[in-house]
Structures are given as C-alpha cells and as structure tokens.
C-alpha cells in the first residue's frame, strides 16, 4: 500500500525477516529518543520485541518504507476475541509526517478480519500527541496501566506448588491450553491467550506457570525470562497472568504471585516485572501487599470505549506493550 503525504511517500508492506535487525534498531532509537535516553539505540538493552513478535506471527507484522528505506514497523497480537497492537515505532528522522497512521491502518483491517470484540493498546499517559493519534482510529483513553517490579530474594517468598508448561508432555500441553482458555473466557468472553503461551514455548522465551488444585486450574502466568525475550537480562516479565474468578480468586492470585517469584528465582532472574491496569484495583492492591513497587505508568486505550476485562474484581496482570 502506497500513500503520498505532503512530506513524502510511504510504502506499507509486510515486515520481512531481512528487516528485523533494522526494525529493532529503529524501535530502540525511537523509544530511546522519546524518553531522552543518553544512548537511544541501546535503550532497551537485550530485551527484544521485533524478532519475537515477528516469529510469533509474521502475517501480523507491518513495515513502512520511504524511498526504499525502512522507517518503521508495527505489530498486531490476537488473544482470541481481543486484539492489541504495538510496539509501533517510526525512525525519529521521519516523525511528524503522518507515517504512523499508515502503519495503524492495516492493523485495523486485520482486527476486522479477526472479528475482535475489543481492541486495545498501551501508550504514554502524558503524551497528547500519542493519545490524539489513536483517538483518530476510535480508541479512547481509560484507566492507567501500572508497571510494577519486585526484587527477588529467596528468603522473602514461600514455597509454591505449581507446574510449568515446558515440562508437560504433548497431551498435557493441549489440556493445559484448554484449561487456560476456559479460565480466561470466564473472565471475558472470547479471551484466549493460548497463542502467547505457545509462542513462549516454541521460541524458548520463558515458561508458563500453572497453579492447580484437585478441582482444576486456578491460575496461570505466561512469562518471558532473560535476554532475547521481552524481559531482558536478570528479569522475569509476566506477559499475561490470570486467576480464576470466584469467591477465592484473591487467594488464587496471591498463590500465583508466589509461584511467579519461585519461577523467576529458579530461572536465575533477580527481578519480577508485571503490569496491571488500575481499574483492576483489587489485583493492584494485592501486588502492593506482595511487595511490588510501581516504576512507570502508561494508559490503556480501548476500542470500543467499554471496560472489557479492565474492571474491578478481575485478577489479571498484563500491559499490552
């Protein structure tokens, strides 16, 4: 798709494997420049978003080029009937030319073909420019999303009983994916993060914690761990986690936090990082009680403008970055 702007022409196409290193460089440069980092091109260190998301679904990755030069990329993610996009990045040399809108357009078409019930994104809460851009596509700002972290010390956490997805046989993995889908659909109709669990497993990016009792799955957490993942060195990053709804959901969530700490420590990570939407106030409070501290904020934007699974009583961790 070619689009002509007053400041130049842009060509939007699928992101190819040959683009990945340059797209990663642009991503780090763009976010590092926006955040005024001293070395923008190494802003994210050894965390990786471009390579992992492209490998997860090449058909949901888009590139923008101008005069044969790669200038930006965008990625869409599907969790059943929920979809989100990002990270969206444009080379700073091409900012303020309207190119970002061209990278959003194909994602919106993809969401339509996926028949998503709710679309979302994470952006800078203080940036009028970013929020204004996404509003043009029907997204509306809602509650803050809080990024929290906790330093892991072996004497600080209790033992936890859980299994991990990577250690299951093929049959048990299929059963676990079904159980995880049933749990998330009880929270929000059509929510299914099986894609994320399988991507982490297939790319060896981390592991998924499964906490059960005699009655079945009570909670799970899909985590990235270490360099080359979305976590980075020394970090266990909770990509998505959920506790089964019901009268004991707070207990299930507390047990899940303990299991994530054990996984992090066993994997050699010294820090656990997770996001939670502020509208999930009980989950946020439980994380504070567990010793997590807020380190940054963003804002969740929804299309349509309804709460989805960002609401009180929902014990879910994610941040849509």
Protein backbone atom coordinates (compact mmCIF):
# COMPACT_ATOMS: atom_id res chain seq x y z
CA UNK A 1 0.00 0.00 0.00
CA UNK A 2 1.47 3.33 -1.07
CA UNK A 3 0.44 6.65 0.44
CA UNK A 4 1.62 10.09 -0.61
CA UNK A 5 1.96 12.76 2.06
CA UNK A 6 2.84 16.41 1.69
CA UNK A 7 6.24 15.49 3.13
CA UNK A 8 6.90 12.36 1.12
CA UNK A 9 5.66 8.95 0.02
CA UNK A 10 5.45 5.90 2.24
CA UNK A 11 5.00 2.27 1.26
CA UNK A 12 3.44 -0.08 3.82
CA UNK A 13 4.09 -3.79 3.35
CA UNK A 14 4.58 -6.96 5.39
CA UNK A 15 7.66 -6.92 7.59
CA UNK A 16 10.20 -9.44 6.25
CA UNK A 17 12.85 -11.43 8.04
CA UNK A 18 15.56 -9.37 6.38
CA UNK A 19 14.06 -6.26 8.05
CA UNK A 20 14.23 -7.50 11.62
CA UNK A 21 17.61 -6.18 12.75
CA UNK A 22 16.97 -2.74 11.27
CA UNK A 23 13.42 -2.66 12.65
CA UNK A 24 14.83 -3.49 16.08
CA UNK A 25 17.37 -0.68 15.77
CA UNK A 26 14.64 1.80 14.81
CA UNK A 27 12.44 0.63 17.67
CA UNK A 28 15.17 1.21 20.24
CA UNK A 29 16.15 4.52 18.67
CA UNK A 30 12.56 5.79 18.57
CA UNK A 31 11.67 4.91 22.15
CA UNK A 32 15.10 5.93 23.41
CA UNK A 33 14.81 9.31 21.70
CA UNK A 34 11.29 9.92 23.03
CA UNK A 35 12.47 9.06 26.56
CA UNK A 36 15.61 11.22 26.20
CA UNK A 37 17.92 8.28 26.87
CA UNK A 38 21.66 9.06 26.67
CA UNK A 39 22.19 6.17 24.22
CA UNK A 40 18.88 5.84 22.37
CA UNK A 41 19.88 2.91 20.15
CA UNK A 42 20.53 0.73 23.20
CA UNK A 43 17.54 1.98 25.20
CA UNK A 44 16.00 -1.49 25.63
CA UNK A 45 19.25 -3.32 26.23
CA UNK A 46 18.92 -7.01 25.37
CA UNK A 47 15.11 -7.01 25.50
CA UNK A 48 13.64 -7.98 22.14
CA UNK A 49 10.19 -7.24 20.73
CA UNK A 50 10.67 -7.18 16.95
CA UNK A 51 12.16 -10.64 16.45
CA UNK A 52 9.89 -12.41 18.92
CA UNK A 53 6.64 -10.90 17.65
CA UNK A 54 7.54 -11.42 14.02
CA UNK A 55 8.33 -15.09 14.66
CA UNK A 56 5.09 -15.49 16.57
CA UNK A 57 3.01 -14.29 13.60
CA UNK A 58 4.75 -12.81 10.51
CA UNK A 59 1.35 -12.05 8.94
CA UNK A 60 0.61 -9.58 11.75
CA UNK A 61 3.82 -7.54 11.33
CA UNK A 62 3.97 -4.48 9.10
CA UNK A 63 6.79 -2.35 7.72
CA UNK A 64 6.87 1.21 6.44
CA UNK A 65 9.50 2.31 3.96
CA UNK A 66 10.28 5.57 2.19
CA UNK A 67 12.46 5.66 -0.91
CA UNK A 68 13.46 2.07 -0.27
CA UNK A 69 14.49 2.76 3.32
CA UNK A 70 12.82 1.05 6.28
CA UNK A 71 11.43 3.78 8.53
CA UNK A 72 9.11 1.98 10.93
CA UNK A 73 7.16 -1.10 11.98
CA UNK A 74 4.04 -2.17 13.83
CA UNK A 75 2.78 -5.48 15.25
CA UNK A 76 -0.67 -6.85 15.98
CA UNK A 77 -1.41 -9.51 18.59
CA UNK A 78 -4.54 -11.64 18.85
CA UNK A 79 -5.74 -13.08 22.14
CA UNK A 80 -8.93 -14.70 20.91
CA UNK A 81 -11.59 -12.02 20.50
CA UNK A 82 -9.26 -9.38 21.96
CA UNK A 83 -6.52 -7.74 19.92
CA UNK A 84 -3.90 -5.09 20.57
CA UNK A 85 -1.09 -3.53 18.59
CA UNK A 86 2.41 -2.30 19.26
CA UNK A 87 5.12 -1.54 19.63
CA UNK A 88 4.63 1.00 16.84
CA UNK A 89 7.83 2.83 16.01
CA UNK A 90 8.96 5.38 13.43
CA UNK A 91 12.54 6.50 12.85
CA UNK A 92 12.82 9.92 14.56
CA UNK A 93 14.08 11.41 11.27
CA UNK A 94 10.58 10.73 9.89
CA UNK A 95 8.47 11.87 12.84
CA UNK A 96 5.52 14.23 12.34
CA UNK A 97 4.91 13.24 8.73
CA UNK A 98 1.76 11.21 9.31
CA UNK A 99 3.56 7.92 8.72
CA UNK A 100 2.38 6.33 11.98
CA UNK A 101 -1.22 6.47 10.78
CA UNK A 102 -0.26 4.43 7.72
CA UNK A 103 1.07 1.67 9.97
CA UNK A 104 -2.11 1.62 12.04
CA UNK A 105 -4.47 1.28 9.07
CA UNK A 106 -3.52 -2.32 8.12
CA UNK A 107 -3.76 -3.38 11.76
CA UNK A 108 -7.32 -2.09 11.92
CA UNK A 109 -8.16 -4.16 8.86
CA UNK A 110 -6.57 -7.17 10.49
CA UNK A 111 -8.64 -6.67 13.65
CA UNK A 112 -11.74 -6.55 11.44
CA UNK A 113 -10.83 -9.84 9.76
CA UNK A 114 -10.13 -11.40 13.17
CA UNK A 115 -13.57 -10.23 14.35
CA UNK A 116 -12.13 -8.92 17.59
CA UNK A 117 -14.65 -7.93 20.19
CA UNK A 118 -12.31 -5.42 21.82
CA UNK A 119 -9.11 -3.78 20.59
CA UNK A 120 -6.58 -2.08 22.81
CA UNK A 121 -3.16 -0.50 23.09
CA UNK A 122 -0.70 0.84 25.66
CA UNK A 123 0.71 4.32 25.22
CA UNK A 124 2.32 7.19 27.09
CA UNK A 125 -0.18 8.71 29.51
CA UNK A 126 1.48 12.13 29.34
CA UNK A 127 1.65 12.36 25.53
CA UNK A 128 -1.18 14.36 23.97
CA UNK A 129 0.26 13.57 20.55
CA UNK A 130 0.09 9.81 21.02
CA UNK A 131 -3.38 9.80 22.56
CA UNK A 132 -4.64 12.15 19.84
CA UNK A 133 -3.27 9.88 17.11
CA UNK A 134 -5.01 6.77 18.42
CA UNK A 135 -8.26 8.63 19.01
CA UNK A 136 -8.44 9.17 15.24
CA UNK A 137 -8.88 5.40 14.93
CA UNK A 138 -11.65 5.19 17.50
CA UNK A 139 -9.57 4.35 20.58
CA UNK A 140 -10.39 6.10 23.84
CA UNK A 141 -8.19 6.51 26.94
CA UNK A 142 -9.35 4.71 30.04
CA UNK A 143 -7.50 3.74 33.25
CA UNK A 144 -3.78 3.94 33.77
CA UNK A 145 -1.73 0.78 33.35
CA UNK A 146 0.89 0.43 36.08
CA UNK A 147 4.21 -1.33 35.61
CA UNK A 148 5.46 -2.83 38.86
CA UNK A 149 8.57 -4.69 39.85
CA UNK A 150 9.87 -6.67 42.77
CA UNK A 151 13.39 -7.70 43.62
CA UNK A 152 13.52 -11.43 44.29
CA UNK A 153 15.26 -12.74 47.37
CA UNK A 154 14.96 -16.44 48.26
CA UNK A 155 14.18 -15.75 51.92
CA UNK A 156 11.31 -13.41 51.05
CA UNK A 157 8.96 -15.85 49.36
CA UNK A 158 7.26 -19.00 50.47
CA UNK A 159 7.41 -22.27 48.58
CA UNK A 160 4.72 -22.66 45.97
CA UNK A 161 3.27 -25.71 44.29
CA UNK A 162 2.93 -25.39 40.53
CA UNK A 163 3.86 -26.96 37.23
CA UNK A 164 5.33 -25.36 34.12
CA UNK A 165 4.10 -25.72 30.57
CA UNK A 166 7.50 -26.67 29.13
CA UNK A 167 7.76 -29.81 31.30
CA UNK A 168 4.41 -31.25 30.20
CA UNK A 169 4.08 -33.89 27.50
CA UNK A 170 2.22 -33.05 24.31
CA UNK A 171 -1.13 -34.33 25.53
CA UNK A 172 -0.85 -32.47 28.83
CA UNK A 173 0.12 -29.26 27.00
CA UNK A 174 -3.04 -29.48 24.89
CA UNK A 175 -5.11 -29.99 28.03
CA UNK A 176 -3.40 -27.05 29.72
CA UNK A 177 -4.20 -24.75 26.78
CA UNK A 178 -7.86 -25.74 27.00
CA UNK A 179 -7.90 -25.12 30.76
CA UNK A 180 -6.24 -21.71 30.34
CA UNK A 181 -8.79 -20.73 27.69
CA UNK A 182 -11.68 -21.79 29.90
CA UNK A 183 -10.27 -19.72 32.76
CA UNK A 184 -9.83 -16.55 30.66
CA UNK A 185 -13.21 -16.93 28.96
CA UNK A 186 -14.80 -16.98 32.42
CA UNK A 187 -13.23 -13.53 32.90
CA UNK A 188 -14.04 -12.09 29.46
CA UNK A 189 -15.94 -13.90 26.72
CA UNK A 190 -13.60 -14.80 23.88
CA UNK A 191 -10.33 -14.02 25.70
CA UNK A 192 -7.76 -16.70 24.84
CA UNK A 193 -4.01 -16.29 25.34
CA UNK A 194 -3.08 -19.76 24.12
CA UNK A 195 -1.22 -18.07 21.27
CA UNK A 196 1.03 -16.33 23.80
CA UNK A 197 1.67 -19.49 25.80
CA UNK A 198 2.62 -21.46 22.70
CA UNK A 199 4.81 -18.67 21.34
CA UNK A 200 6.80 -18.51 24.56
CA UNK A 201 7.21 -22.30 24.49
CA UNK A 202 8.13 -22.59 20.81
CA UNK A 203 10.63 -19.73 20.91
CA UNK A 204 12.05 -20.74 24.33
CA UNK A 205 11.43 -17.23 25.65
CA UNK A 206 10.46 -18.31 29.16
CA UNK A 207 7.73 -20.51 30.57
CA UNK A 208 4.13 -20.59 31.76
CA UNK A 209 3.29 -21.25 35.41
CA UNK A 210 0.21 -23.43 36.03
CA UNK A 211 -1.26 -23.49 39.56
CA UNK A 212 -3.82 -26.23 40.16
CA UNK A 213 -5.69 -27.90 42.95
CA UNK A 214 -7.73 -31.10 42.96
CA UNK A 215 -10.56 -29.29 41.18
CA UNK A 216 -8.51 -27.98 38.27
CA UNK A 217 -6.55 -24.94 37.09
CA UNK A 218 -6.78 -21.99 39.46
CA UNK A 219 -4.33 -19.55 37.87
CA UNK A 220 -1.55 -19.28 35.32
CA UNK A 221 1.14 -16.84 34.22
CA UNK A 222 2.88 -16.69 30.83
CA UNK A 223 6.34 -15.27 31.49
CA UNK A 224 9.29 -14.06 29.43
CA UNK A 225 12.65 -14.63 31.08
CA UNK A 226 16.13 -13.32 30.32
CA UNK A 227 17.97 -11.85 27.30
CA UNK A 228 16.46 -12.11 23.85
CA UNK A 229 12.93 -12.10 25.27
CA UNK A 230 10.72 -9.17 26.22
CA UNK A 231 12.14 -9.39 29.75
CA UNK A 232 15.88 -8.81 29.39
CA UNK A 233 18.80 -9.97 31.50
CA UNK A 234 18.03 -10.82 35.09
CA UNK A 235 14.29 -10.26 34.69
CA UNK A 236 11.18 -12.42 34.69
CA UNK A 237 8.41 -10.47 32.93
CA UNK A 238 4.80 -11.54 33.30
CA UNK A 239 3.34 -11.14 29.83
CA UNK A 240 -0.12 -12.29 30.92
CA UNK A 241 -1.46 -13.86 34.09
CA UNK A 242 -4.92 -14.57 35.44
CA UNK A 243 -6.65 -16.13 38.44
CA UNK A 244 -9.96 -17.94 38.10
CA UNK A 245 -12.92 -15.77 39.09
CA UNK A 246 -14.98 -16.65 42.13
CA UNK A 247 -15.03 -16.20 45.91
CA UNK A 248 -11.41 -17.42 46.27
CA UNK A 249 -9.92 -15.52 43.35
CA UNK A 250 -7.81 -13.26 45.60
CA UNK A 251 -6.25 -16.34 47.21
CA UNK A 252 -5.60 -17.89 43.81
CA UNK A 253 -3.93 -14.65 42.69
CA UNK A 254 -1.75 -14.45 45.79
CA UNK A 255 -0.61 -18.04 45.24
CA UNK A 256 0.17 -17.19 41.62
CA UNK A 257 2.39 -14.28 42.63
CA UNK A 258 4.37 -16.63 44.87
CA UNK A 259 4.71 -19.15 42.05
CA UNK A 260 5.98 -16.45 39.70
CA UNK A 261 8.63 -15.47 42.24
CA UNK A 262 9.77 -19.08 42.55
CA UNK A 263 9.92 -19.43 38.75
CA UNK A 264 11.92 -16.21 38.49
CA UNK A 265 14.43 -17.30 41.11
CA UNK A 266 14.75 -20.82 39.71
CA UNK A 267 15.40 -19.31 36.27
CA UNK A 268 18.21 -17.09 37.52
CA UNK A 269 16.23 -13.85 37.46
CA UNK A 270 16.60 -11.36 40.30
CA UNK A 271 13.61 -9.22 39.42
CA UNK A 272 9.94 -9.87 38.67
CA UNK A 273 8.14 -7.32 36.46
CA UNK A 274 4.42 -7.20 35.69
CA UNK A 275 1.76 -4.75 34.55
CA UNK A 276 -1.72 -4.29 35.96
CA UNK A 277 -4.48 -1.95 34.89
CA UNK A 278 -5.52 0.44 37.65
CA UNK A 279 -9.18 -0.44 37.08
CA UNK A 280 -8.35 -3.90 38.46
CA UNK A 281 -7.95 -2.26 41.84
CA UNK A 282 -8.03 -5.45 43.94
CA UNK A 283 -5.28 -7.07 41.86
CA UNK A 284 -3.17 -3.92 42.15
CA UNK A 285 -3.61 -3.81 45.92
CA UNK A 286 -2.66 -7.49 46.20
CA UNK A 287 0.55 -6.82 44.27
CA UNK A 288 1.44 -3.93 46.57
CA UNK A 289 0.84 -6.19 49.58
CA UNK A 290 3.20 -8.74 47.98
CA UNK A 291 5.98 -6.14 47.87
CA UNK A 292 5.76 -4.85 44.30
CA UNK A 293 6.63 -1.22 43.61
CA UNK A 294 5.43 0.96 40.76
CA UNK A 295 8.19 2.01 38.35
CA UNK A 296 6.30 3.55 35.43
CA UNK A 297 2.84 4.18 34.07
CA UNK A 298 1.08 4.14 30.73
CA UNK A 299 -2.53 4.34 29.71
CA UNK A 300 -4.78 1.71 28.19
CA UNK A 301 -6.86 2.80 25.22
CA UNK A 302 -9.89 0.76 24.14
CA UNK A 303 -11.94 0.42 21.00
CA UNK A 304 -14.91 0.42 21.62
CA UNK A 305 -14.95 2.52 24.76
CA UNK A 306 -16.00 -0.13 27.25
CA UNK A 307 -14.08 -1.70 30.15
CA UNK A 308 -13.54 -5.16 28.68
CA UNK A 309 -11.54 -7.07 31.27
CA UNK A 310 -10.05 -3.89 32.78
CA UNK A 311 -12.51 -3.71 35.66
CA UNK A 312 -12.87 -4.23 39.38
CA UNK A 313 -12.86 -7.83 40.55
CA UNK A 314 -10.62 -9.05 37.72
CA UNK A 315 -7.31 -10.55 38.85
CA UNK A 316 -5.26 -10.27 35.67
CA UNK A 317 -1.73 -8.99 35.00
CA UNK A 318 -0.75 -7.63 31.57
CA UNK A 319 0.16 -4.29 30.00
CA UNK A 320 -0.26 -4.53 26.17
CA UNK A 321 3.20 -3.12 25.43
